[in-house]
């Protein structure tokens, strides 16, 4: 049975997270990123963010991803862009690097689909002292009913839907002390975030149906689901 992540992979969606690549660019331009820095993008998907970071800042950029279709499309993007982005097949829960390896770590709509506690612990481990972790994540604006929660968890395949307080607790449990959580002001962004598609040659009908359901849920739960920018400094 196909999953929501299979849908994203087969459609080759770049910037699937809320706010898309426009939000990513706004967040990155707020930071002082230099070519001397090492950057890790967790769950890099088709490498849209990783390639942007390399082209814009010239830093060492590493992307990790474990979905085979996403990996192939990421390879194609890197090749087409002609940039040196390190692409590694790996799990977010087991980052294949030593301690204090990266100055900046990014994650966009990934934490909801994995073991959050394990990932935060790994991020804390591979982040340099003074380094920064920035995550963009789907967030419940308030506690959901059991029916709504089940419908969303079953469709998106997430473990559970966190509120802002849940995210804060999870981050601090991992050992981060300096934490800020921001609700983005989307009116400052384009009302139609730029989304890229890199469609696979063969897409099952059930995947096309998932797109319709996703759009249905986005409208149905627009008042209940939001997004938060989570920033953790080590």
C-alpha atoms as a PDB file:
ATOM      1  CA  UNK A   1       0.000   0.000   0.000  1.00  0.00           C
ATOM      2  CA  UNK A   2       1.371   3.402  -0.956  1.00  0.00           C
ATOM      3  CA  UNK A   3       2.119   6.000   1.695  1.00  0.00           C
ATOM      4  CA  UNK A   4       1.988   9.788   1.721  1.00  0.00           C
ATOM      5  CA  UNK A   5       5.781   9.795   1.411  1.00  0.00           C
ATOM      6  CA  UNK A   6       5.470   7.622  -1.713  1.00  0.00           C
ATOM      7  CA  UNK A   7       3.082  10.226  -3.099  1.00  0.00           C
ATOM      8  CA  UNK A   8       5.638  12.994  -2.495  1.00  0.00           C
ATOM      9  CA  UNK A   9       8.393  10.892  -4.059  1.00  0.00           C
ATOM     10  CA  UNK A  10       6.491   9.842  -7.180  1.00  0.00           C
ATOM     11  CA  UNK A  11       5.315  13.389  -7.789  1.00  0.00           C
ATOM     12  CA  UNK A  12       8.853  14.574  -7.051  1.00  0.00           C
ATOM     13  CA  UNK A  13       7.560  17.484  -5.031  1.00  0.00           C
ATOM     14  CA  UNK A  14      10.163  20.059  -4.090  1.00  0.00           C
ATOM     15  CA  UNK A  15       9.224  22.384  -1.245  1.00  0.00           C
ATOM     16  CA  UNK A  16       6.373  20.232   0.030  1.00  0.00           C
ATOM     17  CA  UNK A  17       6.651  21.759   3.499  1.00  0.00           C
ATOM     18  CA  UNK A  18       4.346  24.661   4.431  1.00  0.00           C
ATOM     19  CA  UNK A  19       5.643  27.870   2.910  1.00  0.00           C
ATOM     20  CA  UNK A  20       7.738  25.936   0.400  1.00  0.00           C
ATOM     21  CA  UNK A  21      11.095  27.092  -0.908  1.00  0.00           C
ATOM     22  CA  UNK A  22      10.123  30.748  -0.407  1.00  0.00           C
ATOM     23  CA  UNK A  23       9.925  30.214   3.350  1.00  0.00           C
ATOM     24  CA  UNK A  24      13.204  28.281   3.238  1.00  0.00           C
ATOM     25  CA  UNK A  25      14.963  31.167   1.510  1.00  0.00           C
ATOM     26  CA  UNK A  26      13.545  33.713   3.931  1.00  0.00           C
ATOM     27  CA  UNK A  27      14.740  31.671   6.907  1.00  0.00           C
ATOM     28  CA  UNK A  28      18.220  31.086   5.503  1.00  0.00           C
ATOM     29  CA  UNK A  29      18.748  34.726   4.559  1.00  0.00           C
ATOM     30  CA  UNK A  30      18.101  35.632   8.197  1.00  0.00           C
ATOM     31  CA  UNK A  31      21.182  33.664   9.242  1.00  0.00           C
ATOM     32  CA  UNK A  32      24.862  34.417   8.754  1.00  0.00           C
ATOM     33  CA  UNK A  33      25.831  31.490   6.521  1.00  0.00           C
ATOM     34  CA  UNK A  34      29.315  31.404   5.028  1.00  0.00           C
ATOM     35  CA  UNK A  35      31.239  29.133   2.673  1.00  0.00           C
ATOM     36  CA  UNK A  36      33.376  27.952   5.607  1.00  0.00           C
ATOM     37  CA  UNK A  37      30.351  26.340   7.274  1.00  0.00           C
ATOM     38  CA  UNK A  38      29.177  22.737   7.073  1.00  0.00           C
ATOM     39  CA  UNK A  39      25.424  22.315   6.527  1.00  0.00           C
ATOM     40  CA  UNK A  40      23.309  19.167   6.887  1.00  0.00           C
ATOM     41  CA  UNK A  41      19.817  18.855   5.422  1.00  0.00           C
ATOM     42  CA  UNK A  42      17.948  15.970   7.074  1.00  0.00           C
ATOM     43  CA  UNK A  43      15.365  14.229   4.901  1.00  0.00           C
ATOM     44  CA  UNK A  44      16.521  16.270   1.925  1.00  0.00           C
ATOM     45  CA  UNK A  45      13.952  14.834  -0.517  1.00  0.00           C
ATOM     46  CA  UNK A  46      14.799  15.945  -4.058  1.00  0.00           C
ATOM     47  CA  UNK A  47      17.571  18.217  -2.665  1.00  0.00           C
ATOM     48  CA  UNK A  48      15.816  21.481  -3.489  1.00  0.00           C
ATOM     49  CA  UNK A  49      16.963  23.110  -0.254  1.00  0.00           C
ATOM     50  CA  UNK A  50      20.435  21.532  -0.325  1.00  0.00           C
ATOM     51  CA  UNK A  51      21.139  22.730  -3.864  1.00  0.00           C
ATOM     52  CA  UNK A  52      19.865  26.220  -3.021  1.00  0.00           C
ATOM     53  CA  UNK A  53      22.162  26.369   0.018  1.00  0.00           C
ATOM     54  CA  UNK A  54      25.182  25.315  -2.030  1.00  0.00           C
ATOM     55  CA  UNK A  55      24.464  27.749  -4.863  1.00  0.00           C
ATOM     56  CA  UNK A  56      23.685  30.684  -2.593  1.00  0.00           C
ATOM     57  CA  UNK A  57      26.249  30.348   0.201  1.00  0.00           C
ATOM     58  CA  UNK A  58      28.950  28.017  -1.128  1.00  0.00           C
ATOM     59  CA  UNK A  59      29.043  26.059   2.128  1.00  0.00           C
ATOM     60  CA  UNK A  60      29.799  22.379   2.401  1.00  0.00           C
ATOM     61  CA  UNK A  61      26.298  20.893   2.078  1.00  0.00           C
ATOM     62  CA  UNK A  62      25.275  17.329   2.904  1.00  0.00           C
ATOM     63  CA  UNK A  63      21.808  15.876   2.313  1.00  0.00           C
ATOM     64  CA  UNK A  64      20.577  12.624   3.825  1.00  0.00           C
ATOM     65  CA  UNK A  65      17.519  10.769   2.537  1.00  0.00           C
ATOM     66  CA  UNK A  66      16.280   7.173   2.697  1.00  0.00           C
ATOM     67  CA  UNK A  67      13.472   7.028   0.125  1.00  0.00           C
ATOM     68  CA  UNK A  68      14.911   5.406  -3.045  1.00  0.00           C
ATOM     69  CA  UNK A  69      12.815   7.445  -5.473  1.00  0.00           C
ATOM     70  CA  UNK A  70      13.685  10.695  -3.710  1.00  0.00           C
ATOM     71  CA  UNK A  71      17.363   9.751  -3.785  1.00  0.00           C
ATOM     72  CA  UNK A  72      17.287   9.212  -7.541  1.00  0.00           C
ATOM     73  CA  UNK A  73      15.537  12.523  -8.154  1.00  0.00           C
ATOM     74  CA  UNK A  74      17.972  14.256  -5.797  1.00  0.00           C
ATOM     75  CA  UNK A  75      20.884  12.842  -7.811  1.00  0.00           C
ATOM     76  CA  UNK A  76      19.303  14.191 -10.983  1.00  0.00           C
ATOM     77  CA  UNK A  77      18.826  17.655  -9.469  1.00  0.00           C
ATOM     78  CA  UNK A  78      22.406  17.808  -8.212  1.00  0.00           C
ATOM     79  CA  UNK A  79      23.706  16.699 -11.614  1.00  0.00           C
ATOM     80  CA  UNK A  80      21.571  19.216 -13.494  1.00  0.00           C
ATOM     81  CA  UNK A  81      22.677  22.025 -11.184  1.00  0.00           C
ATOM     82  CA  UNK A  82      26.332  21.006 -11.481  1.00  0.00           C
ATOM     83  CA  UNK A  83      27.009  21.595  -7.789  1.00  0.00           C
ATOM     84  CA  UNK A  84      28.958  19.637  -5.191  1.00  0.00           C
ATOM     85  CA  UNK A  85      26.303  18.479  -2.734  1.00  0.00           C
ATOM     86  CA  UNK A  86      27.071  15.318  -0.779  1.00  0.00           C
ATOM     87  CA  UNK A  87      24.050  13.009  -1.001  1.00  0.00           C
ATOM     88  CA  UNK A  88      23.948  10.091   1.448  1.00  0.00           C
ATOM     89  CA  UNK A  89      21.376   7.341   1.896  1.00  0.00           C
ATOM     90  CA  UNK A  90      20.715   7.378   5.626  1.00  0.00           C
ATOM     91  CA  UNK A  91      18.060   7.530   8.302  1.00  0.00           C
ATOM     92  CA  UNK A  92      17.354  10.677  10.284  1.00  0.00           C
ATOM     93  CA  UNK A  93      17.441   8.590  13.455  1.00  0.00           C
ATOM     94  CA  UNK A  94      20.981   7.376  12.721  1.00  0.00           C
ATOM     95  CA  UNK A  95      23.009  10.201  11.198  1.00  0.00           C
ATOM     96  CA  UNK A  96      26.265   8.691   9.855  1.00  0.00           C
ATOM     97  CA  UNK A  97      28.632  11.378  11.128  1.00  0.00           C
ATOM     98  CA  UNK A  98      30.747  11.950  14.201  1.00  0.00           C
ATOM     99  CA  UNK A  99      30.136  14.395  16.996  1.00  0.00           C
ATOM    100  CA  UNK A 100      30.199  18.148  16.361  1.00  0.00           C
ATOM    101  CA  UNK A 101      30.385  17.862  12.555  1.00  0.00           C
ATOM    102  CA  UNK A 102      27.955  20.591  11.389  1.00  0.00           C
ATOM    103  CA  UNK A 103      27.462  24.319  11.957  1.00  0.00           C
ATOM    104  CA  UNK A 104      23.885  24.333  10.653  1.00  0.00           C
ATOM    105  CA  UNK A 105      21.310  21.557  10.363  1.00  0.00           C
ATOM    106  CA  UNK A 106      17.971  21.941   8.596  1.00  0.00           C
ATOM    107  CA  UNK A 107      14.864  19.770   8.512  1.00  0.00           C
ATOM    108  CA  UNK A 108      11.620  20.530   6.683  1.00  0.00           C
ATOM    109  CA  UNK A 109       8.485  18.458   7.335  1.00  0.00           C
ATOM    110  CA  UNK A 110      10.564  15.479   8.419  1.00  0.00           C
ATOM    111  CA  UNK A 111      10.296  15.251  12.200  1.00  0.00           C
ATOM    112  CA  UNK A 112       6.589  14.434  12.119  1.00  0.00           C
ATOM    113  CA  UNK A 113       7.328  11.247  10.167  1.00  0.00           C
ATOM    114  CA  UNK A 114      10.154   9.859  12.301  1.00  0.00           C
ATOM    115  CA  UNK A 115      11.101   9.167  15.908  1.00  0.00           C
ATOM    116  CA  UNK A 116      11.380  12.768  17.017  1.00  0.00           C
ATOM    117  CA  UNK A 117      13.262  12.114  20.245  1.00  0.00           C
ATOM    118  CA  UNK A 118      15.874  10.018  18.428  1.00  0.00           C
ATOM    119  CA  UNK A 119      16.364  12.668  15.737  1.00  0.00           C
ATOM    120  CA  UNK A 120      16.697  15.541  18.208  1.00  0.00           C
ATOM    121  CA  UNK A 121      19.302  13.515  20.121  1.00  0.00           C
ATOM    122  CA  UNK A 122      21.221  12.819  16.895  1.00  0.00           C
ATOM    123  CA  UNK A 123      21.042  16.469  15.869  1.00  0.00           C
ATOM    124  CA  UNK A 124      22.383  17.538  19.249  1.00  0.00           C
ATOM    125  CA  UNK A 125      25.215  15.028  18.851  1.00  0.00           C
ATOM    126  CA  UNK A 126      26.421  16.061  15.371  1.00  0.00           C
ATOM    127  CA  UNK A 127      25.887  19.797  15.831  1.00  0.00           C
ATOM    128  CA  UNK A 128      28.937  21.887  16.717  1.00  0.00           C
ATOM    129  CA  UNK A 129      28.947  23.961  19.919  1.00  0.00           C
ATOM    130  CA  UNK A 130      27.217  27.197  19.026  1.00  0.00           C
ATOM    131  CA  UNK A 131      25.629  25.511  16.000  1.00  0.00           C
ATOM    132  CA  UNK A 132      22.014  26.000  14.929  1.00  0.00           C
ATOM    133  CA  UNK A 133      19.215  23.576  14.079  1.00  0.00           C
ATOM    134  CA  UNK A 134      16.232  24.926  12.116  1.00  0.00           C
ATOM    135  CA  UNK A 135      13.135  22.793  11.554  1.00  0.00           C
ATOM    136  CA  UNK A 136       9.863  23.625   9.799  1.00  0.00           C
ATOM    137  CA  UNK A 137       7.068  21.375  11.045  1.00  0.00           C
ATOM    138  CA  UNK A 138       3.337  20.788  10.847  1.00  0.00           C
ATOM    139  CA  UNK A 139       1.785  21.689  14.200  1.00  0.00           C
ATOM    140  CA  UNK A 140      -1.651  21.247  15.735  1.00  0.00           C
ATOM    141  CA  UNK A 141      -3.035  24.633  16.754  1.00  0.00           C
ATOM    142  CA  UNK A 142      -4.969  22.951  19.555  1.00  0.00           C
ATOM    143  CA  UNK A 143      -5.776  19.458  20.756  1.00  0.00           C
ATOM    144  CA  UNK A 144      -7.633  17.529  18.056  1.00  0.00           C
ATOM    145  CA  UNK A 145     -10.586  15.240  18.514  1.00  0.00           C
ATOM    146  CA  UNK A 146      -9.847  11.522  18.409  1.00  0.00           C
ATOM    147  CA  UNK A 147     -11.682  11.273  15.078  1.00  0.00           C
ATOM    148  CA  UNK A 148      -9.743  14.128  13.458  1.00  0.00           C
ATOM    149  CA  UNK A 149      -6.439  12.904  14.865  1.00  0.00           C
ATOM    150  CA  UNK A 150      -7.018   9.368  13.559  1.00  0.00           C
ATOM    151  CA  UNK A 151      -7.958  10.592  10.088  1.00  0.00           C
ATOM    152  CA  UNK A 152      -4.820  12.728   9.781  1.00  0.00           C
ATOM    153  CA  UNK A 153      -2.436  10.207  11.352  1.00  0.00           C
ATOM    154  CA  UNK A 154      -3.747   7.402   9.152  1.00  0.00           C
ATOM    155  CA  UNK A 155      -3.439   9.420   5.947  1.00  0.00           C
ATOM    156  CA  UNK A 156      -0.119  11.166   6.513  1.00  0.00           C
ATOM    157  CA  UNK A 157       1.523   8.301   8.364  1.00  0.00           C
ATOM    158  CA  UNK A 158       2.806  10.466  11.206  1.00  0.00           C
ATOM    159  CA  UNK A 159       3.281   9.101  14.701  1.00  0.00           C
ATOM    160  CA  UNK A 160       1.208  11.828  16.302  1.00  0.00           C
ATOM    161  CA  UNK A 161       0.423  15.492  15.806  1.00  0.00           C
ATOM    162  CA  UNK A 162       2.351  17.802  18.124  1.00  0.00           C
ATOM    163  CA  UNK A 163       1.195  21.136  19.511  1.00  0.00           C
ATOM    164  CA  UNK A 164       3.719  23.930  20.010  1.00  0.00           C
ATOM    165  CA  UNK A 165       4.099  22.920  23.670  1.00  0.00           C
ATOM    166  CA  UNK A 166       4.790  19.320  22.605  1.00  0.00           C
ATOM    167  CA  UNK A 167       7.565  20.459  20.273  1.00  0.00           C
ATOM    168  CA  UNK A 168       9.131  22.627  22.961  1.00  0.00           C
ATOM    169  CA  UNK A 169       9.118  19.781  25.470  1.00  0.00           C
ATOM    170  CA  UNK A 170      10.645  17.359  22.967  1.00  0.00           C
ATOM    171  CA  UNK A 171      13.447  19.747  22.033  1.00  0.00           C
ATOM    172  CA  UNK A 172      14.382  20.574  25.612  1.00  0.00           C
ATOM    173  CA  UNK A 173      14.345  16.906  26.589  1.00  0.00           C
ATOM    174  CA  UNK A 174      17.061  16.360  23.958  1.00  0.00           C
ATOM    175  CA  UNK A 175      19.297  18.804  25.804  1.00  0.00           C
ATOM    176  CA  UNK A 176      18.796  22.049  23.901  1.00  0.00           C
ATOM    177  CA  UNK A 177      18.468  25.052  26.191  1.00  0.00           C
ATOM    178  CA  UNK A 178      18.291  27.962  23.756  1.00  0.00           C
ATOM    179  CA  UNK A 179      15.044  27.267  21.863  1.00  0.00           C
ATOM    180  CA  UNK A 180      12.713  29.582  19.956  1.00  0.00           C
ATOM    181  CA  UNK A 181       9.493  28.516  18.242  1.00  0.00           C
ATOM    182  CA  UNK A 182       7.921  30.885  15.752  1.00  0.00           C
ATOM    183  CA  UNK A 183       4.631  30.865  13.877  1.00  0.00           C
ATOM    184  CA  UNK A 184       5.466  32.229  10.413  1.00  0.00           C
ATOM    185  CA  UNK A 185       3.574  35.232   9.143  1.00  0.00           C
ATOM    186  CA  UNK A 186       2.498  33.837   5.798  1.00  0.00           C
ATOM    187  CA  UNK A 187       1.028  37.140   4.519  1.00  0.00           C
ATOM    188  CA  UNK A 188       4.657  38.263   4.182  1.00  0.00           C
ATOM    189  CA  UNK A 189       5.182  35.426   1.767  1.00  0.00           C
ATOM    190  CA  UNK A 190       3.655  34.698  -1.602  1.00  0.00           C
ATOM    191  CA  UNK A 191       0.099  33.363  -1.125  1.00  0.00           C
ATOM    192  CA  UNK A 192       1.004  30.702  -3.697  1.00  0.00           C
ATOM    193  CA  UNK A 193       4.308  29.136  -2.564  1.00  0.00           C
ATOM    194  CA  UNK A 194       6.417  27.851  -5.435  1.00  0.00           C
ATOM    195  CA  UNK A 195       6.173  24.053  -5.641  1.00  0.00           C
ATOM    196  CA  UNK A 196       8.216  22.028  -8.101  1.00  0.00           C
ATOM    197  CA  UNK A 197       7.178  18.708  -9.606  1.00  0.00           C
ATOM    198  CA  UNK A 198       9.429  15.996 -11.022  1.00  0.00           C
ATOM    199  CA  UNK A 199       6.854  13.380 -12.001  1.00  0.00           C
ATOM    200  CA  UNK A 200       7.807   9.723 -12.284  1.00  0.00           C
ATOM    201  CA  UNK A 201       7.003   8.037 -15.593  1.00  0.00           C
ATOM    202  CA  UNK A 202       4.509   5.670 -13.988  1.00  0.00           C
ATOM    203  CA  UNK A 203       2.261   6.797 -11.155  1.00  0.00           C
ATOM    204  CA  UNK A 204      -0.417   4.447  -9.780  1.00  0.00           C
ATOM    205  CA  UNK A 205      -3.990   5.700  -9.707  1.00  0.00           C
ATOM    206  CA  UNK A 206      -4.054   5.443  -5.916  1.00  0.00           C
ATOM    207  CA  UNK A 207      -1.278   8.045  -5.776  1.00  0.00           C
ATOM    208  CA  UNK A 208      -3.303  10.486  -7.882  1.00  0.00           C
ATOM    209  CA  UNK A 209      -6.195   9.894  -5.494  1.00  0.00           C
ATOM    210  CA  UNK A 210      -3.916  10.780  -2.571  1.00  0.00           C
ATOM    211  CA  UNK A 211      -3.333  14.209  -4.095  1.00  0.00           C
ATOM    212  CA  UNK A 212      -7.082  14.828  -4.080  1.00  0.00           C
ATOM    213  CA  UNK A 213      -7.348  13.697  -0.469  1.00  0.00           C
ATOM    214  CA  UNK A 214      -4.403  15.831   0.569  1.00  0.00           C
ATOM    215  CA  UNK A 215      -6.019  18.924  -0.946  1.00  0.00           C
ATOM    216  CA  UNK A 216      -9.274  18.010   0.771  1.00  0.00           C
ATOM    217  CA  UNK A 217      -7.562  17.739   4.167  1.00  0.00           C
ATOM    218  CA  UNK A 218      -5.630  20.988   3.689  1.00  0.00           C
ATOM    219  CA  UNK A 219      -8.957  22.783   3.281  1.00  0.00           C
ATOM    220  CA  UNK A 220     -10.814  20.805   5.943  1.00  0.00           C
ATOM    221  CA  UNK A 221      -8.173  21.294   8.643  1.00  0.00           C
ATOM    222  CA  UNK A 222      -6.858  24.739   7.732  1.00  0.00           C
ATOM    223  CA  UNK A 223      -7.962  26.136  11.108  1.00  0.00           C
ATOM    224  CA  UNK A 224      -6.631  23.192  13.111  1.00  0.00           C
ATOM    225  CA  UNK A 225      -3.234  22.609  11.525  1.00  0.00           C
ATOM    226  CA  UNK A 226      -0.490  25.183  11.264  1.00  0.00           C
ATOM    227  CA  UNK A 227       3.270  25.329  11.025  1.00  0.00           C
ATOM    228  CA  UNK A 228       6.064  26.271  13.384  1.00  0.00           C
ATOM    229  CA  UNK A 229       9.681  27.208  12.835  1.00  0.00           C
ATOM    230  CA  UNK A 230      11.747  25.542  15.535  1.00  0.00           C
ATOM    231  CA  UNK A 231      15.214  26.955  16.138  1.00  0.00           C
ATOM    232  CA  UNK A 232      17.614  25.292  18.570  1.00  0.00           C
ATOM    233  CA  UNK A 233      21.086  26.554  19.377  1.00  0.00           C
ATOM    234  CA  UNK A 234      23.689  24.317  20.994  1.00  0.00           C
END
